[in-house]
N, C-alpha and C. Protein backbone atom coordinates (compact mmCIF):
# COMPACT_ATOMS: atom_id res chain seq x y z
N MET A 1 96.01 91.26 0.34
CA MET A 1 96.54 90.03 0.90
C MET A 1 98.04 90.18 1.10
N THR A 2 98.55 89.82 2.28
CA THR A 2 99.98 89.96 2.56
C THR A 2 100.76 88.84 1.89
N LYS A 3 102.07 89.04 1.79
CA LYS A 3 102.94 88.01 1.21
C LYS A 3 102.87 86.72 2.04
N ASP A 4 102.78 86.86 3.36
CA ASP A 4 102.69 85.69 4.22
C ASP A 4 101.38 84.94 4.01
N GLU A 5 100.29 85.67 3.85
CA GLU A 5 99.00 85.03 3.59
C GLU A 5 99.03 84.30 2.25
N ILE A 6 99.65 84.92 1.26
CA ILE A 6 99.78 84.28 -0.05
C ILE A 6 100.60 83.00 0.09
N TYR A 7 101.73 83.09 0.79
CA TYR A 7 102.59 81.92 0.97
C TYR A 7 101.83 80.78 1.65
N GLN A 8 101.07 81.10 2.69
CA GLN A 8 100.33 80.06 3.42
C GLN A 8 99.30 79.37 2.51
N LYS A 9 98.62 80.16 1.68
CA LYS A 9 97.63 79.58 0.76
C LYS A 9 98.32 78.75 -0.33
N VAL A 10 99.46 79.24 -0.84
CA VAL A 10 100.22 78.49 -1.84
C VAL A 10 100.69 77.18 -1.22
N ALA A 11 101.22 77.24 -0.01
CA ALA A 11 101.71 76.03 0.67
C ALA A 11 100.57 75.01 0.82
N GLY A 12 99.41 75.47 1.25
CA GLY A 12 98.26 74.57 1.38
C GLY A 12 97.85 73.96 0.06
N THR A 13 97.88 74.76 -0.97
CA THR A 13 97.54 74.28 -2.32
C THR A 13 98.51 73.20 -2.77
N LEU A 14 99.81 73.41 -2.51
CA LEU A 14 100.81 72.44 -2.93
C LEU A 14 100.72 71.15 -2.12
N VAL A 15 100.39 71.25 -0.84
CA VAL A 15 100.19 70.06 -0.02
C VAL A 15 99.09 69.19 -0.64
N GLU A 16 97.99 69.83 -1.03
CA GLU A 16 96.87 69.10 -1.62
C GLU A 16 97.22 68.55 -3.01
N ALA A 17 97.81 69.39 -3.84
CA ALA A 17 98.08 68.99 -5.23
C ALA A 17 99.14 67.89 -5.32
N LEU A 18 100.14 67.96 -4.47
CA LEU A 18 101.27 67.03 -4.56
C LEU A 18 101.21 65.92 -3.52
N ASN A 19 100.18 65.98 -2.65
CA ASN A 19 100.02 64.96 -1.61
C ASN A 19 101.30 64.80 -0.78
N VAL A 20 101.81 65.93 -0.30
CA VAL A 20 103.00 65.94 0.55
C VAL A 20 102.62 66.46 1.93
N ASP A 21 103.49 66.22 2.90
CA ASP A 21 103.27 66.72 4.25
C ASP A 21 103.60 68.20 4.32
N GLU A 22 102.91 68.91 5.20
CA GLU A 22 103.15 70.35 5.36
C GLU A 22 104.61 70.66 5.67
N ASP A 23 105.27 69.81 6.44
CA ASP A 23 106.66 70.09 6.81
C ASP A 23 107.63 69.97 5.63
N GLU A 24 107.19 69.41 4.53
CA GLU A 24 108.03 69.34 3.32
C GLU A 24 108.00 70.66 2.55
N ILE A 25 107.00 71.48 2.81
CA ILE A 25 106.84 72.74 2.10
C ILE A 25 107.71 73.80 2.75
N LYS A 26 108.78 74.15 2.07
CA LYS A 26 109.67 75.22 2.51
C LYS A 26 109.85 76.15 1.32
N LYS A 27 110.17 77.40 1.59
CA LYS A 27 110.30 78.37 0.50
C LYS A 27 111.22 77.88 -0.61
N GLU A 28 112.35 77.29 -0.23
CA GLU A 28 113.36 76.89 -1.22
C GLU A 28 113.09 75.52 -1.84
N ALA A 29 112.03 74.82 -1.40
CA ALA A 29 111.73 73.48 -1.92
C ALA A 29 111.41 73.55 -3.41
N LYS A 30 112.10 72.73 -4.19
CA LYS A 30 111.87 72.65 -5.63
C LYS A 30 110.68 71.74 -5.88
N LEU A 31 109.78 72.20 -6.75
CA LEU A 31 108.56 71.43 -7.01
C LEU A 31 108.88 70.02 -7.49
N GLN A 32 109.81 69.90 -8.42
CA GLN A 32 110.13 68.59 -8.96
C GLN A 32 111.14 67.86 -8.08
N GLY A 33 112.27 68.47 -7.83
CA GLY A 33 113.35 67.79 -7.12
C GLY A 33 113.05 67.44 -5.69
N ASP A 34 112.36 68.32 -4.96
CA ASP A 34 112.10 68.09 -3.54
C ASP A 34 110.70 67.58 -3.24
N LEU A 35 109.73 68.02 -4.03
CA LEU A 35 108.33 67.68 -3.73
C LEU A 35 107.75 66.62 -4.68
N GLY A 36 108.55 66.18 -5.66
CA GLY A 36 108.14 65.09 -6.53
C GLY A 36 107.12 65.43 -7.60
N ALA A 37 106.96 66.71 -7.92
CA ALA A 37 105.99 67.10 -8.95
C ALA A 37 106.40 66.55 -10.31
N GLU A 38 105.40 66.13 -11.05
CA GLU A 38 105.60 65.69 -12.44
C GLU A 38 104.85 66.65 -13.33
N SER A 39 105.06 66.55 -14.63
CA SER A 39 104.46 67.52 -15.56
C SER A 39 102.94 67.58 -15.42
N ILE A 40 102.29 66.47 -15.20
CA ILE A 40 100.83 66.47 -15.05
C ILE A 40 100.42 67.25 -13.79
N ASP A 41 101.27 67.25 -12.78
CA ASP A 41 100.97 67.98 -11.54
C ASP A 41 100.91 69.48 -11.77
N PHE A 42 101.68 69.98 -12.73
CA PHE A 42 101.69 71.42 -12.98
C PHE A 42 100.31 71.91 -13.42
N LEU A 43 99.60 71.10 -14.19
CA LEU A 43 98.24 71.47 -14.60
C LEU A 43 97.32 71.54 -13.39
N ASP A 44 97.44 70.58 -12.51
CA ASP A 44 96.63 70.55 -11.30
C ASP A 44 96.97 71.74 -10.40
N ILE A 45 98.26 72.05 -10.27
CA ILE A 45 98.68 73.20 -9.45
C ILE A 45 98.08 74.48 -10.00
N VAL A 46 98.17 74.68 -11.30
CA VAL A 46 97.61 75.89 -11.92
C VAL A 46 96.11 75.97 -11.66
N PHE A 47 95.40 74.86 -11.87
CA PHE A 47 93.95 74.83 -11.64
C PHE A 47 93.62 75.20 -10.20
N ARG A 48 94.33 74.60 -9.26
CA ARG A 48 94.06 74.85 -7.84
C ARG A 48 94.40 76.30 -7.45
N LEU A 49 95.49 76.84 -7.99
CA LEU A 49 95.85 78.23 -7.70
C LEU A 49 94.80 79.19 -8.25
N GLU A 50 94.32 78.91 -9.46
CA GLU A 50 93.27 79.75 -10.04
C GLU A 50 92.04 79.78 -9.14
N ARG A 51 91.66 78.61 -8.68
CA ARG A 51 90.48 78.50 -7.84
C ARG A 51 90.71 79.16 -6.47
N GLU A 52 91.87 78.92 -5.88
CA GLU A 52 92.17 79.44 -4.54
C GLU A 52 92.25 80.96 -4.51
N PHE A 53 92.84 81.54 -5.57
CA PHE A 53 93.08 82.98 -5.57
C PHE A 53 92.12 83.77 -6.47
N GLY A 54 91.24 83.06 -7.18
CA GLY A 54 90.28 83.74 -8.04
C GLY A 54 90.93 84.49 -9.19
N ILE A 55 91.97 83.87 -9.77
CA ILE A 55 92.69 84.49 -10.89
C ILE A 55 92.71 83.53 -12.07
N LYS A 56 93.07 84.07 -13.23
CA LYS A 56 93.26 83.25 -14.43
C LYS A 56 94.75 83.20 -14.71
N ILE A 57 95.27 81.99 -14.88
CA ILE A 57 96.69 81.80 -15.20
C ILE A 57 96.77 81.25 -16.62
N PRO A 58 97.11 82.10 -17.58
CA PRO A 58 97.20 81.63 -18.97
C PRO A 58 98.22 80.50 -19.13
N ARG A 59 97.92 79.61 -20.02
CA ARG A 59 98.81 78.47 -20.29
C ARG A 59 100.23 78.97 -20.59
N GLY A 60 101.20 78.39 -19.95
CA GLY A 60 102.60 78.74 -20.19
C GLY A 60 103.08 79.97 -19.46
N GLU A 61 102.21 80.63 -18.69
CA GLU A 61 102.66 81.85 -18.00
C GLU A 61 103.42 81.51 -16.72
N LEU A 62 102.90 80.62 -15.91
CA LEU A 62 103.57 80.26 -14.67
C LEU A 62 104.73 79.30 -14.92
N PHE A 63 104.53 78.36 -15.81
CA PHE A 63 105.55 77.36 -16.14
C PHE A 63 105.90 77.48 -17.63
N PRO A 64 106.75 78.45 -18.01
CA PRO A 64 106.99 78.74 -19.43
C PRO A 64 108.08 77.91 -20.10
N GLU A 65 108.45 76.77 -19.53
CA GLU A 65 109.56 76.01 -20.11
C GLU A 65 109.32 75.61 -21.56
N SER A 66 108.06 75.55 -21.99
CA SER A 66 107.76 75.16 -23.36
C SER A 66 108.30 76.16 -24.39
N ILE A 67 108.63 77.38 -23.96
CA ILE A 67 109.16 78.37 -24.92
C ILE A 67 110.50 77.93 -25.49
N PHE A 68 111.18 77.02 -24.79
CA PHE A 68 112.51 76.62 -25.23
C PHE A 68 112.53 75.42 -26.15
N GLN A 69 111.40 74.80 -26.37
CA GLN A 69 111.37 73.59 -27.17
C GLN A 69 111.48 73.90 -28.66
N GLY A 70 112.56 73.43 -29.24
CA GLY A 70 112.71 73.49 -30.68
C GLY A 70 113.16 74.81 -31.27
N ASP A 71 113.57 75.78 -30.48
CA ASP A 71 114.01 77.06 -31.03
C ASP A 71 115.52 77.22 -30.82
N PRO A 72 116.31 77.06 -31.90
CA PRO A 72 117.77 77.12 -31.77
C PRO A 72 118.29 78.50 -31.37
N ASP A 73 117.48 79.54 -31.50
CA ASP A 73 117.90 80.86 -31.04
C ASP A 73 117.85 80.98 -29.52
N LEU A 74 117.07 80.10 -28.90
CA LEU A 74 116.88 80.16 -27.45
C LEU A 74 117.70 79.11 -26.70
N VAL A 75 117.96 77.98 -27.37
CA VAL A 75 118.73 76.90 -26.75
C VAL A 75 119.73 76.35 -27.75
N GLN A 76 120.98 76.23 -27.30
CA GLN A 76 122.02 75.62 -28.14
C GLN A 76 122.87 74.71 -27.26
N ASP A 77 123.05 73.48 -27.70
CA ASP A 77 123.87 72.51 -26.98
C ASP A 77 123.44 72.35 -25.52
N GLY A 78 122.14 72.35 -25.28
CA GLY A 78 121.62 72.14 -23.94
C GLY A 78 121.71 73.34 -23.02
N MET A 79 122.16 74.47 -23.55
CA MET A 79 122.29 75.69 -22.75
C MET A 79 121.33 76.75 -23.29
N ILE A 80 120.70 77.48 -22.40
CA ILE A 80 119.82 78.57 -22.81
C ILE A 80 120.70 79.74 -23.22
N THR A 81 120.45 80.26 -24.40
CA THR A 81 121.26 81.35 -24.95
C THR A 81 120.92 82.67 -24.26
N GLU A 82 121.71 83.70 -24.58
CA GLU A 82 121.41 85.03 -24.02
C GLU A 82 120.01 85.48 -24.42
N LYS A 83 119.64 85.21 -25.67
CA LYS A 83 118.30 85.57 -26.13
C LYS A 83 117.25 84.78 -25.34
N GLY A 84 117.53 83.52 -25.06
CA GLY A 84 116.62 82.70 -24.27
C GLY A 84 116.49 83.21 -22.84
N LEU A 85 117.62 83.62 -22.25
CA LEU A 85 117.58 84.17 -20.89
C LEU A 85 116.78 85.47 -20.85
N LYS A 86 116.96 86.29 -21.88
CA LYS A 86 116.21 87.54 -21.95
C LYS A 86 114.70 87.24 -22.01
N GLU A 87 114.34 86.26 -22.82
CA GLU A 87 112.94 85.84 -22.94
C GLU A 87 112.41 85.35 -21.59
N LEU A 88 113.21 84.55 -20.90
CA LEU A 88 112.81 84.03 -19.60
C LEU A 88 112.60 85.17 -18.59
N HIS A 89 113.50 86.13 -18.57
CA HIS A 89 113.37 87.28 -17.67
C HIS A 89 112.12 88.11 -18.00
N GLU A 90 111.83 88.25 -19.28
CA GLU A 90 110.64 89.02 -19.68
C GLU A 90 109.36 88.29 -19.28
N ARG A 91 109.36 86.98 -19.42
CA ARG A 91 108.16 86.21 -19.10
C ARG A 91 107.98 85.99 -17.60
N MET A 92 109.08 86.10 -16.86
CA MET A 92 109.04 85.81 -15.42
C MET A 92 109.65 86.96 -14.61
N PRO A 93 109.06 88.15 -14.67
CA PRO A 93 109.65 89.28 -13.96
C PRO A 93 109.62 89.12 -12.43
N TYR A 94 108.83 88.22 -11.94
CA TYR A 94 108.71 87.94 -10.51
C TYR A 94 109.77 86.96 -10.01
N ALA A 95 110.50 86.34 -10.92
CA ALA A 95 111.48 85.31 -10.55
C ALA A 95 112.86 85.91 -10.26
N GLU A 96 113.54 85.29 -9.33
CA GLU A 96 114.93 85.64 -9.05
C GLU A 96 115.79 84.62 -9.79
N LEU A 97 116.35 85.03 -10.91
CA LEU A 97 117.04 84.09 -11.80
C LEU A 97 118.56 84.22 -11.76
N GLY A 98 119.08 84.96 -10.80
CA GLY A 98 120.52 85.22 -10.73
C GLY A 98 121.37 83.97 -10.77
N ASP A 99 121.05 82.97 -9.93
CA ASP A 99 121.84 81.74 -9.91
C ASP A 99 121.70 80.97 -11.21
N PHE A 100 120.49 80.93 -11.75
CA PHE A 100 120.27 80.21 -13.01
C PHE A 100 121.02 80.89 -14.15
N ASP A 101 121.07 82.22 -14.15
CA ASP A 101 121.78 82.96 -15.20
C ASP A 101 123.26 82.56 -15.27
N LYS A 102 123.83 82.20 -14.14
CA LYS A 102 125.26 81.85 -14.09
C LYS A 102 125.54 80.52 -14.77
N ASN A 103 124.57 79.61 -14.76
CA ASN A 103 124.74 78.30 -15.40
C ASN A 103 123.40 77.88 -15.98
N PRO A 104 123.04 78.47 -17.14
CA PRO A 104 121.69 78.26 -17.69
C PRO A 104 121.50 76.97 -18.49
N GLU A 105 121.78 75.84 -17.84
CA GLU A 105 121.54 74.56 -18.50
C GLU A 105 120.04 74.30 -18.55
N LEU A 106 119.57 73.93 -19.72
CA LEU A 106 118.14 73.65 -19.89
C LEU A 106 117.68 72.57 -18.91
N SER A 107 118.52 71.60 -18.65
CA SER A 107 118.14 70.51 -17.75
C SER A 107 117.94 70.98 -16.31
N HIS A 108 118.43 72.16 -15.98
CA HIS A 108 118.27 72.72 -14.63
C HIS A 108 117.12 73.72 -14.54
N LEU A 109 116.41 73.93 -15.62
CA LEU A 109 115.33 74.92 -15.63
C LEU A 109 114.27 74.60 -14.57
N GLY A 110 113.97 73.33 -14.39
CA GLY A 110 112.98 72.94 -13.40
C GLY A 110 113.34 73.34 -11.97
N ASP A 111 114.63 73.53 -11.71
CA ASP A 111 115.08 73.89 -10.37
C ASP A 111 114.64 75.29 -9.94
N ILE A 112 114.28 76.14 -10.90
CA ILE A 112 113.87 77.50 -10.52
C ILE A 112 112.45 77.52 -9.95
N PHE A 113 111.69 76.44 -10.19
CA PHE A 113 110.30 76.40 -9.75
C PHE A 113 110.22 75.90 -8.31
N THR A 114 110.28 76.86 -7.40
CA THR A 114 110.25 76.57 -5.97
C THR A 114 108.92 77.06 -5.39
N VAL A 115 108.69 76.71 -4.14
CA VAL A 115 107.50 77.19 -3.44
C VAL A 115 107.53 78.72 -3.39
N ASP A 116 108.70 79.28 -3.14
CA ASP A 116 108.82 80.74 -3.08
C ASP A 116 108.50 81.39 -4.43
N LEU A 117 108.96 80.78 -5.52
CA LEU A 117 108.67 81.35 -6.85
C LEU A 117 107.17 81.35 -7.10
N ILE A 118 106.48 80.29 -6.72
CA ILE A 118 105.03 80.24 -6.91
C ILE A 118 104.37 81.35 -6.10
N SER A 119 104.81 81.55 -4.86
CA SER A 119 104.26 82.61 -4.01
C SER A 119 104.51 83.99 -4.62
N ARG A 120 105.72 84.20 -5.14
CA ARG A 120 106.03 85.50 -5.76
C ARG A 120 105.20 85.71 -7.03
N TYR A 121 104.98 84.64 -7.77
CA TYR A 121 104.14 84.74 -8.97
C TYR A 121 102.72 85.17 -8.58
N ILE A 122 102.15 84.53 -7.57
CA ILE A 122 100.79 84.86 -7.15
C ILE A 122 100.73 86.31 -6.67
N ASP A 123 101.70 86.73 -5.88
CA ASP A 123 101.76 88.12 -5.41
C ASP A 123 101.81 89.08 -6.61
N TYR A 124 102.67 88.77 -7.58
CA TYR A 124 102.80 89.56 -8.81
C TYR A 124 101.47 89.60 -9.55
N LYS A 125 100.84 88.45 -9.68
CA LYS A 125 99.58 88.34 -10.43
C LYS A 125 98.47 89.13 -9.74
N LEU A 126 98.38 88.99 -8.42
CA LEU A 126 97.34 89.71 -7.67
C LEU A 126 97.56 91.23 -7.76
N ASN A 127 98.80 91.66 -7.70
CA ASN A 127 99.09 93.09 -7.82
C ASN A 127 98.85 93.61 -9.22
N GLN A 128 99.08 92.79 -10.23
CA GLN A 128 98.75 93.16 -11.61
C GLN A 128 97.26 93.35 -11.75
N THR A 129 96.49 92.42 -11.19
CA THR A 129 95.03 92.47 -11.27
C THR A 129 94.50 93.71 -10.56
N THR A 130 95.10 94.04 -9.42
CA THR A 130 94.67 95.22 -8.65
C THR A 130 94.91 96.50 -9.44
N LYS A 131 96.03 96.54 -10.18
CA LYS A 131 96.38 97.75 -10.94
C LYS A 131 95.53 97.90 -12.20
N ALA A 132 95.04 96.77 -12.71
CA ALA A 132 94.28 96.80 -13.97
C ALA A 132 92.91 97.39 -13.81
């Protein structure tokens, strides 16, 4: 499956899951900030992606923000620590985190979840499955 085919399927899935118009789906669109996703929507998105692509998405793999809850080694004063950033990079090797690394405020973590990130995750996941 090509990256464009993956993107088109991801876009269709997000249109259905978030009840948004197709023209709202752009690569840089943030799931929460631009498309109005709420935490309950993330479960629906994961379910729909699993069904659409025939893959299993373990809990916390696509949306790993829960790793930062309550661990002072990972978050201090609302900022993700170096150890926390390292953890995020390890858990999300498909993500481009350069801008987030420059200002790693926990409150901005949701901004990294864009349509493009979801597409890159699916591409990563499908390629992992192919190699296995």
